[in-house]
N, C-alpha and C. Protein backbone atom coordinates (compact mmCIF):
# COMPACT_ATOMS: atom_id res chain seq x y z
N MET A 1 -6.64 -3.44 -0.75
CA MET A 1 -7.48 -2.62 -1.60
C MET A 1 -6.72 -2.14 -2.84
N LEU A 2 -5.43 -1.97 -2.67
CA LEU A 2 -4.62 -1.53 -3.80
C LEU A 2 -4.69 -2.54 -4.94
N ILE A 3 -4.56 -3.82 -4.62
CA ILE A 3 -4.60 -4.87 -5.63
C ILE A 3 -5.99 -4.93 -6.27
N LEU A 4 -7.03 -4.85 -5.44
CA LEU A 4 -8.39 -4.88 -5.96
C LEU A 4 -8.64 -3.70 -6.91
N GLY A 5 -8.15 -2.53 -6.53
CA GLY A 5 -8.30 -1.35 -7.40
C GLY A 5 -7.62 -1.55 -8.74
N LEU A 6 -6.42 -2.13 -8.72
CA LEU A 6 -5.72 -2.38 -9.98
C LEU A 6 -6.45 -3.41 -10.84
N VAL A 7 -7.04 -4.41 -10.20
CA VAL A 7 -7.79 -5.42 -10.96
C VAL A 7 -9.02 -4.79 -11.60
N VAL A 8 -9.72 -3.94 -10.87
CA VAL A 8 -10.92 -3.29 -11.41
C VAL A 8 -10.53 -2.36 -12.56
N ILE A 9 -9.42 -1.65 -12.42
CA ILE A 9 -8.94 -0.80 -13.51
C ILE A 9 -8.63 -1.66 -14.73
N LEU A 10 -8.01 -2.80 -14.52
CA LEU A 10 -7.67 -3.71 -15.63
C LEU A 10 -8.94 -4.19 -16.34
N VAL A 11 -9.97 -4.52 -15.58
CA VAL A 11 -11.25 -4.96 -16.18
C VAL A 11 -11.83 -3.83 -17.04
N GLY A 12 -11.82 -2.63 -16.50
CA GLY A 12 -12.32 -1.48 -17.28
C GLY A 12 -11.51 -1.25 -18.54
N ALA A 13 -10.19 -1.38 -18.42
CA ALA A 13 -9.32 -1.17 -19.58
C ALA A 13 -9.57 -2.24 -20.65
N VAL A 14 -9.78 -3.48 -20.21
CA VAL A 14 -10.08 -4.56 -21.17
C VAL A 14 -11.39 -4.28 -21.89
N LEU A 15 -12.39 -3.79 -21.16
CA LEU A 15 -13.66 -3.45 -21.80
C LEU A 15 -13.49 -2.31 -22.81
N VAL A 16 -12.70 -1.31 -22.45
CA VAL A 16 -12.48 -0.20 -23.37
C VAL A 16 -11.74 -0.67 -24.62
N VAL A 17 -10.66 -1.42 -24.42
CA VAL A 17 -9.89 -1.90 -25.56
C VAL A 17 -10.73 -2.85 -26.42
N GLY A 18 -11.48 -3.72 -25.76
CA GLY A 18 -12.37 -4.62 -26.52
C GLY A 18 -13.40 -3.85 -27.31
N GLY A 19 -13.94 -2.79 -26.71
CA GLY A 19 -14.92 -1.97 -27.41
C GLY A 19 -14.32 -1.20 -28.57
N LEU A 20 -13.09 -0.76 -28.41
CA LEU A 20 -12.47 0.03 -29.47
C LEU A 20 -11.99 -0.81 -30.65
N PHE A 21 -11.40 -1.95 -30.36
CA PHE A 21 -10.72 -2.69 -31.42
C PHE A 21 -11.49 -3.90 -31.95
N THR A 22 -12.55 -4.32 -31.28
CA THR A 22 -13.26 -5.50 -31.78
C THR A 22 -14.70 -5.19 -32.19
N THR A 23 -15.10 -3.95 -32.14
CA THR A 23 -16.47 -3.59 -32.50
C THR A 23 -16.60 -3.47 -34.02
N GLU A 24 -17.60 -4.16 -34.54
CA GLU A 24 -17.90 -4.07 -35.96
C GLU A 24 -19.35 -3.62 -36.13
N VAL A 25 -19.53 -2.69 -37.02
CA VAL A 25 -20.87 -2.19 -37.31
C VAL A 25 -21.24 -2.64 -38.71
N LYS A 26 -22.33 -3.42 -38.82
CA LYS A 26 -22.82 -3.90 -40.11
C LYS A 26 -24.28 -3.48 -40.23
N GLY A 27 -24.49 -2.47 -40.99
CA GLY A 27 -25.86 -1.96 -41.11
C GLY A 27 -26.26 -1.31 -39.79
N GLY A 28 -27.29 -1.86 -39.17
CA GLY A 28 -27.75 -1.36 -37.88
C GLY A 28 -27.31 -2.25 -36.73
N ASP A 29 -26.63 -3.35 -37.06
CA ASP A 29 -26.19 -4.29 -36.03
C ASP A 29 -24.77 -3.95 -35.57
N VAL A 30 -24.53 -4.18 -34.30
CA VAL A 30 -23.21 -3.93 -33.72
C VAL A 30 -22.71 -5.23 -33.11
N GLU A 31 -21.46 -5.58 -33.40
CA GLU A 31 -20.85 -6.77 -32.81
C GLU A 31 -19.65 -6.35 -31.98
N ILE A 32 -19.60 -6.84 -30.76
CA ILE A 32 -18.44 -6.60 -29.90
C ILE A 32 -17.95 -7.96 -29.42
N LEU A 33 -16.69 -8.25 -29.68
CA LEU A 33 -16.09 -9.55 -29.37
C LEU A 33 -16.87 -10.69 -30.01
N GLY A 34 -17.43 -10.46 -31.17
CA GLY A 34 -18.15 -11.49 -31.90
C GLY A 34 -19.58 -11.71 -31.44
N VAL A 35 -20.04 -10.91 -30.48
CA VAL A 35 -21.40 -11.04 -29.96
C VAL A 35 -22.23 -9.86 -30.44
N GLY A 36 -23.38 -10.15 -31.01
CA GLY A 36 -24.25 -9.09 -31.50
C GLY A 36 -24.94 -8.39 -30.35
N VAL A 37 -24.82 -7.07 -30.30
CA VAL A 37 -25.48 -6.28 -29.25
C VAL A 37 -26.15 -5.08 -29.91
N SER A 38 -27.06 -4.49 -29.18
CA SER A 38 -27.72 -3.29 -29.68
C SER A 38 -26.82 -2.09 -29.40
N PRO A 39 -27.03 -1.01 -30.10
CA PRO A 39 -26.21 0.19 -29.84
C PRO A 39 -26.34 0.69 -28.39
N SER A 40 -27.52 0.55 -27.81
CA SER A 40 -27.68 0.96 -26.40
C SER A 40 -26.89 0.04 -25.47
N ALA A 41 -26.80 -1.24 -25.79
CA ALA A 41 -25.99 -2.16 -24.97
C ALA A 41 -24.51 -1.82 -25.10
N LEU A 42 -24.09 -1.39 -26.27
CA LEU A 42 -22.70 -0.95 -26.45
C LEU A 42 -22.42 0.28 -25.61
N PHE A 43 -23.40 1.18 -25.52
CA PHE A 43 -23.27 2.35 -24.65
C PHE A 43 -23.12 1.93 -23.20
N VAL A 44 -23.93 0.96 -22.78
CA VAL A 44 -23.86 0.47 -21.39
C VAL A 44 -22.50 -0.17 -21.11
N VAL A 45 -21.95 -0.90 -22.08
CA VAL A 45 -20.62 -1.49 -21.92
C VAL A 45 -19.58 -0.39 -21.70
N GLY A 46 -19.68 0.67 -22.47
CA GLY A 46 -18.77 1.81 -22.29
C GLY A 46 -18.95 2.49 -20.95
N LEU A 47 -20.20 2.61 -20.53
CA LEU A 47 -20.50 3.21 -19.23
C LEU A 47 -19.91 2.36 -18.10
N VAL A 48 -20.10 1.06 -18.18
CA VAL A 48 -19.56 0.14 -17.17
C VAL A 48 -18.03 0.20 -17.17
N ALA A 49 -17.42 0.28 -18.34
CA ALA A 49 -15.97 0.37 -18.43
C ALA A 49 -15.47 1.65 -17.74
N GLY A 50 -16.13 2.75 -18.00
CA GLY A 50 -15.75 4.01 -17.35
C GLY A 50 -15.92 3.96 -15.85
N LEU A 51 -17.03 3.39 -15.40
CA LEU A 51 -17.26 3.26 -13.96
C LEU A 51 -16.22 2.34 -13.31
N CYS A 52 -15.86 1.26 -14.00
CA CYS A 52 -14.84 0.36 -13.47
C CYS A 52 -13.51 1.10 -13.29
N ILE A 53 -13.15 1.90 -14.26
CA ILE A 53 -11.90 2.64 -14.16
C ILE A 53 -11.96 3.66 -13.02
N LEU A 54 -13.07 4.37 -12.89
CA LEU A 54 -13.20 5.35 -11.81
C LEU A 54 -13.18 4.68 -10.43
N VAL A 55 -13.93 3.60 -10.27
CA VAL A 55 -13.94 2.88 -8.99
C VAL A 55 -12.57 2.29 -8.69
N GLY A 56 -11.91 1.77 -9.72
CA GLY A 56 -10.57 1.23 -9.53
C GLY A 56 -9.58 2.29 -9.09
N LEU A 57 -9.65 3.47 -9.69
CA LEU A 57 -8.78 4.58 -9.26
C LEU A 57 -9.07 4.99 -7.83
N TRP A 58 -10.35 5.04 -7.46
CA TRP A 58 -10.71 5.41 -6.09
C TRP A 58 -10.19 4.36 -5.10
N LEU A 59 -10.38 3.07 -5.42
CA LEU A 59 -9.89 2.01 -4.54
C LEU A 59 -8.37 2.04 -4.41
N THR A 60 -7.69 2.31 -5.50
CA THR A 60 -6.23 2.40 -5.47
C THR A 60 -5.78 3.57 -4.59
N LYS A 61 -6.42 4.70 -4.75
CA LYS A 61 -6.08 5.87 -3.93
C LYS A 61 -6.35 5.59 -2.46
N TRP A 62 -7.50 5.03 -2.16
CA TRP A 62 -7.87 4.75 -0.78
C TRP A 62 -6.92 3.72 -0.15
N GLY A 63 -6.59 2.68 -0.90
CA GLY A 63 -5.68 1.66 -0.39
C GLY A 63 -4.29 2.19 -0.15
N THR A 64 -3.82 3.07 -1.03
CA THR A 64 -2.50 3.67 -0.87
C THR A 64 -2.47 4.58 0.35
N GLN A 65 -3.49 5.40 0.52
CA GLN A 65 -3.55 6.29 1.68
C GLN A 65 -3.60 5.49 2.98
N ARG A 66 -4.37 4.43 2.99
CA ARG A 66 -4.48 3.60 4.18
C ARG A 66 -3.13 2.95 4.51
N GLY A 67 -2.44 2.45 3.50
CA GLY A 67 -1.14 1.83 3.71
C GLY A 67 -0.11 2.83 4.23
N LEU A 68 -0.11 4.04 3.66
CA LEU A 68 0.81 5.07 4.13
C LEU A 68 0.52 5.46 5.58
N ARG A 69 -0.75 5.57 5.91
CA ARG A 69 -1.14 5.92 7.28
C ARG A 69 -0.70 4.83 8.26
N GLN A 70 -0.87 3.56 7.89
CA GLN A 70 -0.45 2.47 8.75
C GLN A 70 1.06 2.45 8.93
N ARG A 71 1.81 2.70 7.84
CA ARG A 71 3.27 2.72 7.95
C ARG A 71 3.74 3.87 8.85
N LYS A 72 3.08 5.01 8.73
CA LYS A 72 3.43 6.17 9.55
C LYS A 72 3.16 5.87 11.04
N GLU A 73 2.02 5.25 11.34
CA GLU A 73 1.69 4.90 12.71
C GLU A 73 2.68 3.87 13.26
N GLN A 74 3.05 2.89 12.44
CA GLN A 74 3.99 1.86 12.88
C GLN A 74 5.37 2.47 13.15
N LYS A 75 5.78 3.43 12.32
CA LYS A 75 7.06 4.10 12.53
C LYS A 75 7.05 4.86 13.85
N LYS A 76 5.95 5.53 14.14
CA LYS A 76 5.84 6.28 15.39
C LYS A 76 5.86 5.33 16.59
N ILE A 77 5.17 4.21 16.47
CA ILE A 77 5.17 3.21 17.54
C ILE A 77 6.57 2.66 17.76
N ASP A 78 7.29 2.39 16.68
CA ASP A 78 8.66 1.88 16.80
C ASP A 78 9.57 2.90 17.47
N GLU A 79 9.43 4.19 17.12
CA GLU A 79 10.24 5.23 17.74
C GLU A 79 9.95 5.34 19.23
N LEU A 80 8.67 5.30 19.60
CA LEU A 80 8.31 5.37 21.01
C LEU A 80 8.81 4.14 21.77
N SER A 81 8.77 3.00 21.14
CA SER A 81 9.27 1.78 21.77
C SER A 81 10.78 1.87 22.01
N GLU A 82 11.52 2.42 21.03
CA GLU A 82 12.96 2.60 21.21
C GLU A 82 13.25 3.55 22.36
N LYS A 83 12.51 4.67 22.45
CA LYS A 83 12.70 5.61 23.55
C LYS A 83 12.43 4.94 24.89
N LEU A 84 11.38 4.16 24.95
CA LEU A 84 11.03 3.46 26.18
C LEU A 84 12.12 2.47 26.56
N ASP A 85 12.64 1.75 25.58
CA ASP A 85 13.71 0.78 25.85
C ASP A 85 14.97 1.49 26.36
N ARG A 86 15.32 2.64 25.76
CA ARG A 86 16.49 3.38 26.22
C ARG A 86 16.29 3.91 27.62
N ALA A 87 15.09 4.44 27.91
CA ALA A 87 14.81 4.96 29.25
C ALA A 87 14.85 3.83 30.27
N ASP A 88 14.31 2.68 29.92
CA ASP A 88 14.32 1.53 30.83
C ASP A 88 15.74 1.03 31.07
N ALA A 89 16.56 1.01 30.01
CA ALA A 89 17.96 0.57 30.17
C ALA A 89 18.72 1.57 31.04
N GLY A 90 18.48 2.86 30.86
CA GLY A 90 19.12 3.88 31.69
C GLY A 90 18.70 3.76 33.15
N ARG A 91 17.43 3.49 33.37
CA ARG A 91 16.93 3.34 34.75
C ARG A 91 17.56 2.12 35.41
N ARG A 92 17.67 1.04 34.67
CA ARG A 92 18.29 -0.17 35.22
C ARG A 92 19.77 0.07 35.52
N ARG A 93 20.42 0.80 34.63
CA ARG A 93 21.84 1.10 34.83
C ARG A 93 22.01 1.94 36.10
N ASP A 94 21.11 2.92 36.29
CA ASP A 94 21.18 3.75 37.49
C ASP A 94 20.95 2.92 38.75
N LEU A 95 20.02 1.97 38.68
CA LEU A 95 19.74 1.13 39.84
C LEU A 95 20.91 0.17 40.12
N ASP A 96 21.56 -0.30 39.08
CA ASP A 96 22.70 -1.18 39.27
C ASP A 96 23.89 -0.43 39.89
N ASP A 97 24.02 0.86 39.57
CA ASP A 97 25.10 1.67 40.12
C ASP A 97 24.83 2.11 41.54
N ASP A 98 23.61 2.05 41.99
CA ASP A 98 23.23 2.51 43.33
C ASP A 98 23.60 1.44 44.36
N PRO A 99 24.50 1.77 45.30
CA PRO A 99 24.92 0.74 46.27
C PRO A 99 23.82 0.43 47.30
N ASP A 100 22.85 1.31 47.47
CA ASP A 100 21.80 1.08 48.48
C ASP A 100 20.66 0.21 47.92
N TYR A 101 20.66 -0.01 46.61
CA TYR A 101 19.58 -0.77 45.98
C TYR A 101 19.91 -2.26 46.01
N ARG A 102 18.95 -3.05 46.49
CA ARG A 102 19.10 -4.51 46.50
C ARG A 102 17.95 -5.11 45.73
N ALA A 103 18.26 -5.93 44.75
CA ALA A 103 17.24 -6.56 43.90
C ALA A 103 16.61 -7.73 44.60
């Protein structure tokens, strides 16, 4: 999700930059990237760019939180596994030292 969020942010940024630096107004006509659009269509392009940036930020935040949560859970599982391995090794050592125990 982190990568997808960054891609969506990039799309929004490209739309914003394209709207800012390639828009030409001639009379009542508006051209963006060499394509003639109406002023209301230019507004919609800006709206879509803003929404792309917001959705991209949300996806990035959500993906980062999910990744951190998974790493935290994996760390806890690894710690518990180490404790279990140490306890099992200690138990085996105790059984090996016991003269009455036969495997």
